[in-house]
Amino acid sequence: MNIVRWHIYFSGRVQHVGFRYTAYYLAKNLYLTGWVDNLPDGRVELEAQGSALKLQELVAGLRSQPHIHIEKMEVEKIDPVPWERRFSVRGYGGE
């Protein structure tokens, strides 16, 4: 399996709607690693790695949530982090 890593900025109704924890549970169920965090400007930043198919499933799962409305996604493919072993939620005193 070819491991890839995506760095994504999400804009829209993405804060105060459970986005980070939804991303966490989706990523965990898809066996992805990475992290998600709220930004001060109202966007959400996410890095995730795994197979490209699983990353597409993560984004599709986020888009399918009725309480989340993604207006824009800025996606950049970056180098995988080989030592990363889990997906975490950052912010509010987290990592």
C-alpha atoms as a PDB file:
ATOM      1  CA  MET A   1       0.000   0.000   0.000  1.00  0.00           C
ATOM      2  CA  ASN A   2       1.328   3.404  -0.963  1.00  0.00           C
ATOM      3  CA  ILE A   3       1.161   5.824   1.990  1.00  0.00           C
ATOM      4  CA  VAL A   4       0.409   9.467   1.219  1.00  0.00           C
ATOM      5  CA  ARG A   5      -0.158  12.501   3.460  1.00  0.00           C
ATOM      6  CA  TRP A   6      -2.532  15.376   2.834  1.00  0.00           C
ATOM      7  CA  HIS A   7      -2.440  18.782   4.507  1.00  0.00           C
ATOM      8  CA  ILE A   8      -5.915  20.342   4.225  1.00  0.00           C
ATOM      9  CA  TYR A   9      -7.478  23.653   5.213  1.00  0.00           C
ATOM     10  CA  PHE A  10     -11.276  23.489   5.467  1.00  0.00           C
ATOM     11  CA  SER A  11     -13.437  26.636   5.255  1.00  0.00           C
ATOM     12  CA  GLY A  12     -17.172  27.055   5.805  1.00  0.00           C
ATOM     13  CA  ARG A  13     -19.272  25.971   8.787  1.00  0.00           C
ATOM     14  CA  VAL A  14     -16.447  23.898  10.246  1.00  0.00           C
ATOM     15  CA  GLN A  15     -16.011  25.176  13.806  1.00  0.00           C
ATOM     16  CA  HIS A  16     -18.386  24.649  16.744  1.00  0.00           C
ATOM     17  CA  VAL A  17     -20.082  21.790  14.858  1.00  0.00           C
ATOM     18  CA  GLY A  18     -18.002  18.837  16.090  1.00  0.00           C
ATOM     19  CA  PHE A  19     -15.734  18.824  13.037  1.00  0.00           C
ATOM     20  CA  ARG A  20     -12.533  17.851  14.878  1.00  0.00           C
ATOM     21  CA  TYR A  21     -14.097  14.975  16.774  1.00  0.00           C
ATOM     22  CA  THR A  22     -15.949  13.755  13.694  1.00  0.00           C
ATOM     23  CA  ALA A  23     -12.625  13.803  11.824  1.00  0.00           C
ATOM     24  CA  TYR A  24     -11.000  11.939  14.718  1.00  0.00           C
ATOM     25  CA  TYR A  25     -13.560   9.126  14.750  1.00  0.00           C
ATOM     26  CA  LEU A  26     -13.620   8.813  10.966  1.00  0.00           C
ATOM     27  CA  ALA A  27      -9.812   8.748  10.778  1.00  0.00           C
ATOM     28  CA  LYS A  28      -9.567   6.227  13.595  1.00  0.00           C
ATOM     29  CA  ASN A  29     -12.069   3.903  11.876  1.00  0.00           C
ATOM     30  CA  LEU A  30     -10.133   4.258   8.602  1.00  0.00           C
ATOM     31  CA  TYR A  31      -6.784   3.530  10.349  1.00  0.00           C
ATOM     32  CA  LEU A  32      -5.359   6.913   9.354  1.00  0.00           C
ATOM     33  CA  THR A  33      -2.786   8.867  11.321  1.00  0.00           C
ATOM     34  CA  GLY A  34      -2.383  12.630  11.645  1.00  0.00           C
ATOM     35  CA  TRP A  35      -4.094  15.459  13.466  1.00  0.00           C
ATOM     36  CA  VAL A  36      -6.829  18.090  13.252  1.00  0.00           C
ATOM     37  CA  ASP A  37      -6.994  21.581  14.791  1.00  0.00           C
ATOM     38  CA  ASN A  38      -9.143  24.731  14.780  1.00  0.00           C
ATOM     39  CA  LEU A  39      -7.516  27.918  13.498  1.00  0.00           C
ATOM     40  CA  PRO A  40      -8.185  31.410  14.886  1.00  0.00           C
ATOM     41  CA  ASP A  41      -9.527  32.561  11.483  1.00  0.00           C
ATOM     42  CA  GLY A  42     -12.434  30.072  11.568  1.00  0.00           C
ATOM     43  CA  ARG A  43     -10.878  27.405   9.370  1.00  0.00           C
ATOM     44  CA  VAL A  44      -9.922  23.879  10.390  1.00  0.00           C
ATOM     45  CA  GLU A  45      -6.479  22.497   9.577  1.00  0.00           C
ATOM     46  CA  LEU A  46      -5.968  18.757   9.137  1.00  0.00           C
ATOM     47  CA  GLU A  47      -3.084  16.494   8.240  1.00  0.00           C
ATOM     48  CA  ALA A  48      -3.824  12.844   7.581  1.00  0.00           C
ATOM     49  CA  GLN A  49      -1.922   9.960   6.108  1.00  0.00           C
ATOM     50  CA  GLY A  50      -2.759   6.523   4.809  1.00  0.00           C
ATOM     51  CA  SER A  51      -3.821   5.257   1.406  1.00  0.00           C
ATOM     52  CA  ALA A  52      -5.233   7.836  -1.019  1.00  0.00           C
ATOM     53  CA  LEU A  53      -8.506   5.871  -1.064  1.00  0.00           C
ATOM     54  CA  LYS A  54      -8.843   6.069   2.731  1.00  0.00           C
ATOM     55  CA  LEU A  55      -8.073   9.807   2.673  1.00  0.00           C
ATOM     56  CA  GLN A  56     -10.810  10.278   0.066  1.00  0.00           C
ATOM     57  CA  GLU A  57     -13.171   8.318   2.341  1.00  0.00           C
ATOM     58  CA  LEU A  58     -12.280  10.633   5.243  1.00  0.00           C
ATOM     59  CA  VAL A  59     -13.153  13.740   3.207  1.00  0.00           C
ATOM     60  CA  ALA A  60     -16.357  12.124   1.902  1.00  0.00           C
ATOM     61  CA  GLY A  61     -17.334  11.245   5.469  1.00  0.00           C
ATOM     62  CA  LEU A  62     -16.789  14.825   6.620  1.00  0.00           C
ATOM     63  CA  ARG A  63     -18.783  16.178   3.673  1.00  0.00           C
ATOM     64  CA  SER A  64     -21.689  13.829   4.452  1.00  0.00           C
ATOM     65  CA  GLN A  65     -22.257  15.229   7.952  1.00  0.00           C
ATOM     66  CA  PRO A  66     -25.423  17.363   8.117  1.00  0.00           C
ATOM     67  CA  HIS A  67     -23.980  19.740  10.744  1.00  0.00           C
ATOM     68  CA  ILE A  68     -20.775  20.424   8.767  1.00  0.00           C
ATOM     69  CA  HIS A  69     -20.779  22.575   5.625  1.00  0.00           C
ATOM     70  CA  ILE A  70     -17.449  22.627   3.770  1.00  0.00           C
ATOM     71  CA  GLU A  71     -17.348  25.567   1.360  1.00  0.00           C
ATOM     72  CA  LYS A  72     -13.681  25.296   0.403  1.00  0.00           C
ATOM     73  CA  MET A  73     -10.838  22.798   0.767  1.00  0.00           C
ATOM     74  CA  GLU A  74      -7.203  23.651   0.139  1.00  0.00           C
ATOM     75  CA  VAL A  75      -5.301  20.366  -0.249  1.00  0.00           C
ATOM     76  CA  GLU A  76      -1.552  19.925  -0.471  1.00  0.00           C
ATOM     77  CA  LYS A  77       0.202  16.576  -0.770  1.00  0.00           C
ATOM     78  CA  ILE A  78       3.157  16.497   1.623  1.00  0.00           C
ATOM     79  CA  ASP A  79       5.721  13.926   2.722  1.00  0.00           C
ATOM     80  CA  PRO A  80       4.451  11.166   5.043  1.00  0.00           C
ATOM     81  CA  VAL A  81       5.590  11.070   8.674  1.00  0.00           C
ATOM     82  CA  PRO A  82       6.847   7.479   9.070  1.00  0.00           C
ATOM     83  CA  TRP A  83       6.959   7.471  12.898  1.00  0.00           C
ATOM     84  CA  GLU A  84       3.393   8.746  13.391  1.00  0.00           C
ATOM     85  CA  ARG A  85       1.127   6.088  14.916  1.00  0.00           C
ATOM     86  CA  ARG A  86      -2.217   7.760  15.700  1.00  0.00           C
ATOM     87  CA  PHE A  87      -4.669  10.516  14.851  1.00  0.00           C
ATOM     88  CA  SER A  88      -5.139  13.297  17.399  1.00  0.00           C
ATOM     89  CA  VAL A  89      -7.308  16.327  18.074  1.00  0.00           C
ATOM     90  CA  ARG A  90      -5.276  19.453  18.784  1.00  0.00           C
ATOM     91  CA  GLY A  91      -6.266  22.699  20.437  1.00  0.00           C
ATOM     92  CA  TYR A  92      -7.985  23.712  23.650  1.00  0.00           C
ATOM     93  CA  GLY A  93      -5.058  22.600  25.750  1.00  0.00           C
ATOM     94  CA  GLY A  94      -4.351  19.553  23.589  1.00  0.00           C
ATOM     95  CA  GLU A  95      -1.173  18.713  21.754  1.00  0.00           C
END
